């Protein structure tokens, strides 16, 4: 199970060709703008970093079904997954 840290919309597009079933994706920074695309990828679990989503005006209501997580949850996800891959195209 890989964890993909996505920092931009372009990074999400690059990441998509590497996603496998049971992978997880965390959208951070400007990557949160890819929330609607991430929500449509079957077989993955996708999260938004809450602070970055809030800063960019993306609320939990409009970004459902993606969960908003905080920094401690992000750290937990990085400890639970291997490998952890960053995407920022």
PDB file of N, CA and C in Angstrom:
ATOM      1  N   UNK A   1       0.823  -1.178   0.000  1.00  0.00           N
ATOM      2  CA  UNK A   1       0.000   0.000   0.000  1.00  0.00           C
ATOM      3  C   UNK A   1       0.872   1.249   0.000  1.00  0.00           C
ATOM      4  N   UNK A   2       0.796   2.011  -1.052  1.00  0.00           N
ATOM      5  CA  UNK A   2       1.576   3.242  -1.163  1.00  0.00           C
ATOM      6  C   UNK A   2       0.760   4.431  -0.685  1.00  0.00           C
ATOM      7  N   UNK A   3       1.470   5.443  -0.219  1.00  0.00           N
ATOM      8  CA  UNK A   3       0.860   6.724   0.117  1.00  0.00           C
ATOM      9  C   UNK A   3       1.422   7.744  -0.846  1.00  0.00           C
ATOM     10  N   UNK A   4       0.537   8.432  -1.554  1.00  0.00           N
ATOM     11  CA  UNK A   4       0.933   9.438  -2.528  1.00  0.00           C
ATOM     12  C   UNK A   4       0.603  10.812  -1.957  1.00  0.00           C
ATOM     13  N   UNK A   5       1.614  11.647  -1.791  1.00  0.00           N
ATOM     14  CA  UNK A   5       1.438  13.021  -1.323  1.00  0.00           C
ATOM     15  C   UNK A   5       1.435  13.914  -2.555  1.00  0.00           C
ATOM     16  N   UNK A   6       0.302  14.553  -2.804  1.00  0.00           N
ATOM     17  CA  UNK A   6       0.113  15.307  -4.046  1.00  0.00           C
ATOM     18  C   UNK A   6       0.046  16.795  -3.725  1.00  0.00           C
ATOM     19  N   UNK A   7       0.982  17.561  -4.289  1.00  0.00           N
ATOM     20  CA  UNK A   7       1.116  18.985  -3.989  1.00  0.00           C
ATOM     21  C   UNK A   7       0.596  19.914  -5.073  1.00  0.00           C
ATOM     22  N   UNK A   8       0.102  19.370  -6.191  1.00  0.00           N
ATOM     23  CA  UNK A   8      -0.420  20.212  -7.277  1.00  0.00           C
ATOM     24  C   UNK A   8      -1.400  19.399  -8.111  1.00  0.00           C
ATOM     25  N   UNK A   9      -2.220  20.085  -8.880  1.00  0.00           N
ATOM     26  CA  UNK A   9      -3.154  19.393  -9.770  1.00  0.00           C
ATOM     27  C   UNK A   9      -2.376  18.596 -10.807  1.00  0.00           C
ATOM     28  N   UNK A  10      -1.300  19.181 -11.344  1.00  0.00           N
ATOM     29  CA  UNK A  10      -0.466  18.469 -12.310  1.00  0.00           C
ATOM     30  C   UNK A  10       0.158  17.228 -11.667  1.00  0.00           C
ATOM     31  N   UNK A  11       0.533  17.352 -10.411  1.00  0.00           N
ATOM     32  CA  UNK A  11       1.071  16.209  -9.682  1.00  0.00           C
ATOM     33  C   UNK A  11       0.050  15.094  -9.559  1.00  0.00           C
ATOM     34  N   UNK A  12      -1.215  15.463  -9.359  1.00  0.00           N
ATOM     35  CA  UNK A  12      -2.252  14.431  -9.284  1.00  0.00           C
ATOM     36  C   UNK A  12      -2.391  13.712 -10.617  1.00  0.00           C
ATOM     37  N   UNK A  13      -2.356  14.466 -11.713  1.00  0.00           N
ATOM     38  CA  UNK A  13      -2.460  13.837 -13.038  1.00  0.00           C
ATOM     39  C   UNK A  13      -1.287  12.883 -13.275  1.00  0.00           C
ATOM     40  N   UNK A  14      -0.096  13.262 -12.867  1.00  0.00           N
ATOM     41  CA  UNK A  14       1.068  12.387 -13.012  1.00  0.00           C
ATOM     42  C   UNK A  14       0.939  11.153 -12.115  1.00  0.00           C
ATOM     43  N   UNK A  15       0.397  11.353 -10.955  1.00  0.00           N
ATOM     44  CA  UNK A  15       0.221  10.288  -9.978  1.00  0.00           C
ATOM     45  C   UNK A  15      -0.783   9.234 -10.443  1.00  0.00           C
ATOM     46  N   UNK A  16      -1.813   9.653 -11.151  1.00  0.00           N
ATOM     47  CA  UNK A  16      -2.895   8.753 -11.533  1.00  0.00           C
ATOM     48  C   UNK A  16      -2.431   7.504 -12.263  1.00  0.00           C
ATOM     49  N   UNK A  17      -1.423   7.612 -13.102  1.00  0.00           N
ATOM     50  CA  UNK A  17      -0.975   6.442 -13.861  1.00  0.00           C
ATOM     51  C   UNK A  17      -0.212   5.445 -12.985  1.00  0.00           C
ATOM     52  N   UNK A  18       0.127   5.823 -11.775  1.00  0.00           N
ATOM     53  CA  UNK A  18       0.849   4.941 -10.852  1.00  0.00           C
ATOM     54  C   UNK A  18      -0.033   4.391  -9.728  1.00  0.00           C
ATOM     55  N   UNK A  19      -1.266   4.883  -9.631  1.00  0.00           N
ATOM     56  CA  UNK A  19      -2.148   4.452  -8.548  1.00  0.00           C
ATOM     57  C   UNK A  19      -2.575   3.007  -8.732  1.00  0.00           C
ATOM     58  N   UNK A  20      -2.592   2.299  -7.616  1.00  0.00           N
ATOM     59  CA  UNK A  20      -3.067   0.927  -7.607  1.00  0.00           C
ATOM     60  C   UNK A  20      -4.139   0.794  -6.539  1.00  0.00           C
ATOM     61  N   UNK A  21      -4.923  -0.271  -6.663  1.00  0.00           N
ATOM     62  CA  UNK A  21      -5.970  -0.521  -5.677  1.00  0.00           C
ATOM     63  C   UNK A  21      -5.351  -0.541  -4.285  1.00  0.00           C
ATOM     64  N   UNK A  22      -6.052   0.009  -3.337  1.00  0.00           N
ATOM     65  CA  UNK A  22      -5.652   0.086  -1.934  1.00  0.00           C
ATOM     66  C   UNK A  22      -4.600   1.150  -1.640  1.00  0.00           C
ATOM     67  N   UNK A  23      -4.188   1.936  -2.634  1.00  0.00           N
ATOM     68  CA  UNK A  23      -3.296   3.065  -2.364  1.00  0.00           C
ATOM     69  C   UNK A  23      -4.095   4.183  -1.701  1.00  0.00           C
ATOM     70  N   UNK A  24      -3.380   5.067  -1.029  1.00  0.00           N
ATOM     71  CA  UNK A  24      -3.990   6.249  -0.430  1.00  0.00           C
ATOM     72  C   UNK A  24      -3.328   7.487  -1.021  1.00  0.00           C
ATOM     73  N   UNK A  25      -4.127   8.555  -1.123  1.00  0.00           N
ATOM     74  CA  UNK A  25      -3.658   9.822  -1.673  1.00  0.00           C
ATOM     75  C   UNK A  25      -3.993  10.919  -0.677  1.00  0.00           C
ATOM     76  N   UNK A  26      -3.007  11.769  -0.394  1.00  0.00           N
ATOM     77  CA  UNK A  26      -3.254  12.959   0.421  1.00  0.00           C
ATOM     78  C   UNK A  26      -3.001  14.169  -0.469  1.00  0.00           C
ATOM     79  N   UNK A  27      -4.019  15.010  -0.593  1.00  0.00           N
ATOM     80  CA  UNK A  27      -3.900  16.240  -1.377  1.00  0.00           C
ATOM     81  C   UNK A  27      -3.504  17.366  -0.433  1.00  0.00           C
ATOM     82  N   UNK A  28      -2.358  18.001  -0.736  1.00  0.00           N
ATOM     83  CA  UNK A  28      -1.811  19.078   0.089  1.00  0.00           C
ATOM     84  C   UNK A  28      -1.541  20.298  -0.769  1.00  0.00           C
ATOM     85  N   UNK A  29      -1.389  21.447  -0.155  1.00  0.00           N
ATOM     86  CA  UNK A  29      -1.071  22.659  -0.916  1.00  0.00           C
ATOM     87  C   UNK A  29      -2.087  22.853  -2.023  1.00  0.00           C
ATOM     88  N   UNK A  30      -1.596  23.222  -3.217  1.00  0.00           N
ATOM     89  CA  UNK A  30      -2.494  23.415  -4.348  1.00  0.00           C
ATOM     90  C   UNK A  30      -3.053  22.102  -4.885  1.00  0.00           C
ATOM     91  N   UNK A  31      -2.555  20.988  -4.399  1.00  0.00           N
ATOM     92  CA  UNK A  31      -3.104  19.689  -4.777  1.00  0.00           C
ATOM     93  C   UNK A  31      -4.545  19.506  -4.342  1.00  0.00           C
ATOM     94  N   UNK A  32      -4.990  20.273  -3.332  1.00  0.00           N
ATOM     95  CA  UNK A  32      -6.380  20.145  -2.881  1.00  0.00           C
ATOM     96  C   UNK A  32      -7.365  20.513  -3.987  1.00  0.00           C
ATOM     97  N   UNK A  33      -6.927  21.279  -4.980  1.00  0.00           N
ATOM     98  CA  UNK A  33      -7.808  21.631  -6.085  1.00  0.00           C
ATOM     99  C   UNK A  33      -8.175  20.412  -6.940  1.00  0.00           C
ATOM    100  N   UNK A  34      -7.487  19.304  -6.772  1.00  0.00           N
ATOM    101  CA  UNK A  34      -7.788  18.072  -7.512  1.00  0.00           C
ATOM    102  C   UNK A  34      -8.768  17.185  -6.754  1.00  0.00           C
ATOM    103  N   UNK A  35      -9.453  17.725  -5.757  1.00  0.00           N
ATOM    104  CA  UNK A  35     -10.318  16.896  -4.921  1.00  0.00           C
ATOM    105  C   UNK A  35     -11.414  16.206  -5.718  1.00  0.00           C
ATOM    106  N   UNK A  36     -12.018  16.874  -6.687  1.00  0.00           N
ATOM    107  CA  UNK A  36     -13.118  16.242  -7.431  1.00  0.00           C
ATOM    108  C   UNK A  36     -12.602  15.102  -8.306  1.00  0.00           C
ATOM    109  N   UNK A  37     -11.403  15.248  -8.843  1.00  0.00           N
ATOM    110  CA  UNK A  37     -10.825  14.174  -9.651  1.00  0.00           C
ATOM    111  C   UNK A  37     -10.426  12.990  -8.774  1.00  0.00           C
ATOM    112  N   UNK A  38      -9.868  13.267  -7.609  1.00  0.00           N
ATOM    113  CA  UNK A  38      -9.461  12.193  -6.697  1.00  0.00           C
ATOM    114  C   UNK A  38     -10.667  11.409  -6.196  1.00  0.00           C
ATOM    115  N   UNK A  39     -11.784  12.090  -6.010  1.00  0.00           N
ATOM    116  CA  UNK A  39     -12.985  11.424  -5.516  1.00  0.00           C
ATOM    117  C   UNK A  39     -13.541  10.429  -6.527  1.00  0.00           C
ATOM    118  N   UNK A  40     -13.156  10.557  -7.789  1.00  0.00           N
ATOM    119  CA  UNK A  40     -13.685   9.686  -8.839  1.00  0.00           C
ATOM    120  C   UNK A  40     -12.806   8.477  -9.139  1.00  0.00           C
ATOM    121  N   UNK A  41     -11.654   8.363  -8.498  1.00  0.00           N
ATOM    122  CA  UNK A  41     -10.759   7.238  -8.773  1.00  0.00           C
ATOM    123  C   UNK A  41     -11.180   6.048  -7.913  1.00  0.00           C
ATOM    124  N   UNK A  42     -11.609   4.964  -8.546  1.00  0.00           N
ATOM    125  CA  UNK A  42     -12.062   3.811  -7.760  1.00  0.00           C
ATOM    126  C   UNK A  42     -10.900   3.071  -7.097  1.00  0.00           C
ATOM    127  N   UNK A  43     -11.167   2.524  -5.930  1.00  0.00           N
ATOM    128  CA  UNK A  43     -10.197   1.657  -5.263  1.00  0.00           C
ATOM    129  C   UNK A  43      -9.151   2.345  -4.414  1.00  0.00           C
ATOM    130  N   UNK A  44      -9.150   3.674  -4.376  1.00  0.00           N
ATOM    131  CA  UNK A  44      -8.175   4.375  -3.546  1.00  0.00           C
ATOM    132  C   UNK A  44      -8.903   5.101  -2.419  1.00  0.00           C
ATOM    133  N   UNK A  45      -8.140   5.453  -1.410  1.00  0.00           N
ATOM    134  CA  UNK A  45      -8.652   6.306  -0.341  1.00  0.00           C
ATOM    135  C   UNK A  45      -7.955   7.647  -0.482  1.00  0.00           C
ATOM    136  N   UNK A  46      -8.739   8.715  -0.563  1.00  0.00           N
ATOM    137  CA  UNK A  46      -8.160  10.048  -0.757  1.00  0.00           C
ATOM    138  C   UNK A  46      -8.532  10.954   0.408  1.00  0.00           C
ATOM    139  N   UNK A  47      -7.579  11.793   0.791  1.00  0.00           N
ATOM    140  CA  UNK A  47      -7.736  12.722   1.908  1.00  0.00           C
ATOM    141  C   UNK A  47      -7.321  14.120   1.462  1.00  0.00           C
ATOM    142  N   UNK A  48      -7.871  15.116   2.136  1.00  0.00           N
ATOM    143  CA  UNK A  48      -7.445  16.510   1.967  1.00  0.00           C
ATOM    144  C   UNK A  48      -6.823  16.979   3.270  1.00  0.00           C
ATOM    145  N   UNK A  49      -5.710  17.675   3.199  1.00  0.00           N
ATOM    146  CA  UNK A  49      -5.167  18.297   4.394  1.00  0.00           C
ATOM    147  C   UNK A  49      -6.078  19.478   4.727  1.00  0.00           C
ATOM    148  N   UNK A  50      -6.732  19.407   5.873  1.00  0.00           N
ATOM    149  CA  UNK A  50      -7.789  20.357   6.235  1.00  0.00           C
ATOM    150  C   UNK A  50      -7.322  21.806   6.191  1.00  0.00           C
ATOM    151  N   UNK A  51      -6.146  22.085   6.715  1.00  0.00           N
ATOM    152  CA  UNK A  51      -5.654  23.467   6.758  1.00  0.00           C
ATOM    153  C   UNK A  51      -5.489  24.028   5.345  1.00  0.00           C
ATOM    154  N   UNK A  52      -4.965  23.211   4.426  1.00  0.00           N
ATOM    155  CA  UNK A  52      -4.767  23.671   3.049  1.00  0.00           C
ATOM    156  C   UNK A  52      -6.095  23.826   2.319  1.00  0.00           C
ATOM    157  N   UNK A  53      -7.037  22.909   2.563  1.00  0.00           N
ATOM    158  CA  UNK A  53      -8.355  23.013   1.933  1.00  0.00           C
ATOM    159  C   UNK A  53      -9.075  24.264   2.424  1.00  0.00           C
ATOM    160  N   UNK A  54      -9.029  24.512   3.725  1.00  0.00           N
ATOM    161  CA  UNK A  54      -9.698  25.678   4.289  1.00  0.00           C
ATOM    162  C   UNK A  54      -9.112  26.974   3.725  1.00  0.00           C
ATOM    163  N   UNK A  55      -7.790  27.032   3.632  1.00  0.00           N
ATOM    164  CA  UNK A  55      -7.118  28.219   3.098  1.00  0.00           C
ATOM    165  C   UNK A  55      -7.570  28.514   1.673  1.00  0.00           C
ATOM    166  N   UNK A  56      -7.890  27.446   0.929  1.00  0.00           N
ATOM    167  CA  UNK A  56      -8.274  27.607  -0.473  1.00  0.00           C
ATOM    168  C   UNK A  56      -9.790  27.593  -0.685  1.00  0.00           C
ATOM    169  N   UNK A  57     -10.547  27.672   0.420  1.00  0.00           N
ATOM    170  CA  UNK A  57     -12.002  27.781   0.335  1.00  0.00           C
ATOM    171  C   UNK A  57     -12.729  26.498   0.013  1.00  0.00           C
ATOM    172  N   UNK A  58     -12.097  25.363   0.284  1.00  0.00           N
ATOM    173  CA  UNK A  58     -12.723  24.066   0.017  1.00  0.00           C
ATOM    174  C   UNK A  58     -13.221  23.494   1.339  1.00  0.00           C
ATOM    175  N   UNK A  59     -14.526  23.410   1.482  1.00  0.00           N
ATOM    176  CA  UNK A  59     -15.120  22.943   2.733  1.00  0.00           C
ATOM    177  C   UNK A  59     -15.392  21.446   2.673  1.00  0.00           C
ATOM    178  N   UNK A  60     -15.544  20.810   3.837  1.00  0.00           N
ATOM    179  CA  UNK A  60     -15.892  19.383   3.853  1.00  0.00           C
ATOM    180  C   UNK A  60     -17.213  19.104   3.143  1.00  0.00           C
ATOM    181  N   UNK A  61     -18.126  20.072   3.153  1.00  0.00           N
ATOM    182  CA  UNK A  61     -19.423  19.872   2.504  1.00  0.00           C
ATOM    183  C   UNK A  61     -19.278  19.703   0.988  1.00  0.00           C
ATOM    184  N   UNK A  62     -18.457  20.543   0.367  1.00  0.00           N
ATOM    185  CA  UNK A  62     -18.349  20.459  -1.092  1.00  0.00           C
ATOM    186  C   UNK A  62     -17.373  19.381  -1.545  1.00  0.00           C
ATOM    187  N   UNK A  63     -16.481  18.956  -0.673  1.00  0.00           N
ATOM    188  CA  UNK A  63     -15.457  17.991  -1.078  1.00  0.00           C
ATOM    189  C   UNK A  63     -15.763  16.563  -0.646  1.00  0.00           C
ATOM    190  N   UNK A  64     -16.980  16.310  -0.177  1.00  0.00           N
ATOM    191  CA  UNK A  64     -17.352  14.934   0.161  1.00  0.00           C
ATOM    192  C   UNK A  64     -17.206  14.086  -1.095  1.00  0.00           C
ATOM    193  N   UNK A  65     -16.775  12.865  -1.020  1.00  0.00           N
ATOM    194  CA  UNK A  65     -16.602  12.006   0.138  1.00  0.00           C
ATOM    195  C   UNK A  65     -15.177  11.987   0.704  1.00  0.00           C
ATOM    196  N   UNK A  66     -14.302  12.909   0.298  1.00  0.00           N
ATOM    197  CA  UNK A  66     -12.942  12.912   0.819  1.00  0.00           C
ATOM    198  C   UNK A  66     -12.921  13.403   2.262  1.00  0.00           C
ATOM    199  N   UNK A  67     -12.154  12.732   3.089  1.00  0.00           N
ATOM    200  CA  UNK A  67     -12.016  13.135   4.486  1.00  0.00           C
ATOM    201  C   UNK A  67     -10.988  14.249   4.605  1.00  0.00           C
ATOM    202  N   UNK A  68     -11.268  15.198   5.469  1.00  0.00           N
ATOM    203  CA  UNK A  68     -10.314  16.252   5.789  1.00  0.00           C
ATOM    204  C   UNK A  68      -9.511  15.774   6.997  1.00  0.00           C
ATOM    205  N   UNK A  69      -8.185  15.816   6.886  1.00  0.00           N
ATOM    206  CA  UNK A  69      -7.327  15.355   7.975  1.00  0.00           C
ATOM    207  C   UNK A  69      -6.430  16.491   8.452  1.00  0.00           C
ATOM    208  N   UNK A  70      -5.894  16.332   9.665  1.00  0.00           N
ATOM    209  CA  UNK A  70      -4.969  17.315  10.220  1.00  0.00           C
ATOM    210  C   UNK A  70      -3.547  16.763  10.134  1.00  0.00           C
ATOM    211  N   UNK A  71      -2.596  17.549  10.626  1.00  0.00           N
ATOM    212  CA  UNK A  71      -1.186  17.143  10.540  1.00  0.00           C
ATOM    213  C   UNK A  71      -0.885  15.862  11.319  1.00  0.00           C
ATOM    214  N   UNK A  72      -1.412  15.661  12.534  1.00  0.00           N
ATOM    215  CA  UNK A  72      -1.151  14.386  13.213  1.00  0.00           C
ATOM    216  C   UNK A  72      -1.655  13.173  12.416  1.00  0.00           C
ATOM    217  N   UNK A  73      -2.794  13.310  11.757  1.00  0.00           N
ATOM    218  CA  UNK A  73      -3.301  12.212  10.937  1.00  0.00           C
ATOM    219  C   UNK A  73      -2.394  11.977   9.726  1.00  0.00           C
ATOM    220  N   UNK A  74      -1.849  13.045   9.159  1.00  0.00           N
ATOM    221  CA  UNK A  74      -0.908  12.904   8.052  1.00  0.00           C
ATOM    222  C   UNK A  74       0.325  12.137   8.494  1.00  0.00           C
ATOM    223  N   UNK A  75       0.835  12.461   9.660  1.00  0.00           N
ATOM    224  CA  UNK A  75       2.006  11.750  10.186  1.00  0.00           C
ATOM    225  C   UNK A  75       1.674  10.276  10.383  1.00  0.00           C
ATOM    226  N   UNK A  76       0.504   9.983  10.903  1.00  0.00           N
ATOM    227  CA  UNK A  76       0.089   8.587  11.101  1.00  0.00           C
ATOM    228  C   UNK A  76       0.018   7.844   9.767  1.00  0.00           C
ATOM    229  N   UNK A  77      -0.526   8.489   8.753  1.00  0.00           N
ATOM    230  CA  UNK A  77      -0.601   7.848   7.439  1.00  0.00           C
ATOM    231  C   UNK A  77       0.787   7.543   6.885  1.00  0.00           C
ATOM    232  N   UNK A  78       1.728   8.456   7.073  1.00  0.00           N
ATOM    233  CA  UNK A  78       3.083   8.205   6.562  1.00  0.00           C
ATOM    234  C   UNK A  78       3.742   7.051   7.302  1.00  0.00           C
ATOM    235  N   UNK A  79       3.403   6.862   8.571  1.00  0.00           N
ATOM    236  CA  UNK A  79       3.961   5.748   9.341  1.00  0.00           C
ATOM    237  C   UNK A  79       3.329   4.410   8.945  1.00  0.00           C
ATOM    238  N   UNK A  80       2.095   4.448   8.463  1.00  0.00           N
ATOM    239  CA  UNK A  80       1.361   3.228   8.128  1.00  0.00           C
ATOM    240  C   UNK A  80       1.617   2.724   6.718  1.00  0.00           C
ATOM    241  N   UNK A  81       2.146   3.566   5.841  1.00  0.00           N
ATOM    242  CA  UNK A  81       2.301   3.206   4.431  1.00  0.00           C
ATOM    243  C   UNK A  81       3.766   3.131   4.026  1.00  0.00           C
ATOM    244  N   UNK A  82       4.012   2.267   3.056  1.00  0.00           N
ATOM    245  CA  UNK A  82       5.332   2.198   2.457  1.00  0.00           C
ATOM    246  C   UNK A  82       5.162   1.718   1.033  1.00  0.00           C
ATOM    247  N   UNK A  83       5.698   2.401   0.066  1.00  0.00           N
ATOM    248  CA  UNK A  83       6.469   3.631   0.162  1.00  0.00           C
ATOM    249  C   UNK A  83       5.575   4.862   0.239  1.00  0.00           C
ATOM    250  N   UNK A  84       6.191   5.994   0.545  1.00  0.00           N
ATOM    251  CA  UNK A  84       5.536   7.293   0.502  1.00  0.00           C
ATOM    252  C   UNK A  84       6.158   8.045  -0.671  1.00  0.00           C
ATOM    253  N   UNK A  85       5.308   8.471  -1.609  1.00  0.00           N
ATOM    254  CA  UNK A  85       5.770   9.087  -2.838  1.00  0.00           C
ATOM    255  C   UNK A  85       5.197  10.507  -2.911  1.00  0.00           C
ATOM    256  N   UNK A  86       6.027  11.491  -3.262  1.00  0.00           N
ATOM    257  CA  UNK A  86       5.584  12.887  -3.412  1.00  0.00           C
ATOM    258  C   UNK A  86       5.432  13.218  -4.886  1.00  0.00           C
ATOM    259  N   UNK A  87       4.374  13.978  -5.193  1.00  0.00           N
ATOM    260  CA  UNK A  87       4.087  14.396  -6.563  1.00  0.00           C
ATOM    261  C   UNK A  87       3.894  15.901  -6.607  1.00  0.00           C
ATOM    262  N   UNK A  88       4.751  16.580  -7.366  1.00  0.00           N
ATOM    263  CA  UNK A  88       4.632  18.018  -7.558  1.00  0.00           C
ATOM    264  C   UNK A  88       5.200  18.353  -8.929  1.00  0.00           C
ATOM    265  N   UNK A  89       4.381  18.246  -9.918  1.00  0.00           N
ATOM    266  CA  UNK A  89       4.837  18.475 -11.302  1.00  0.00           C
ATOM    267  C   UNK A  89       4.814  19.948 -11.612  1.00  0.00           C
TER     268      UNK A  89
END
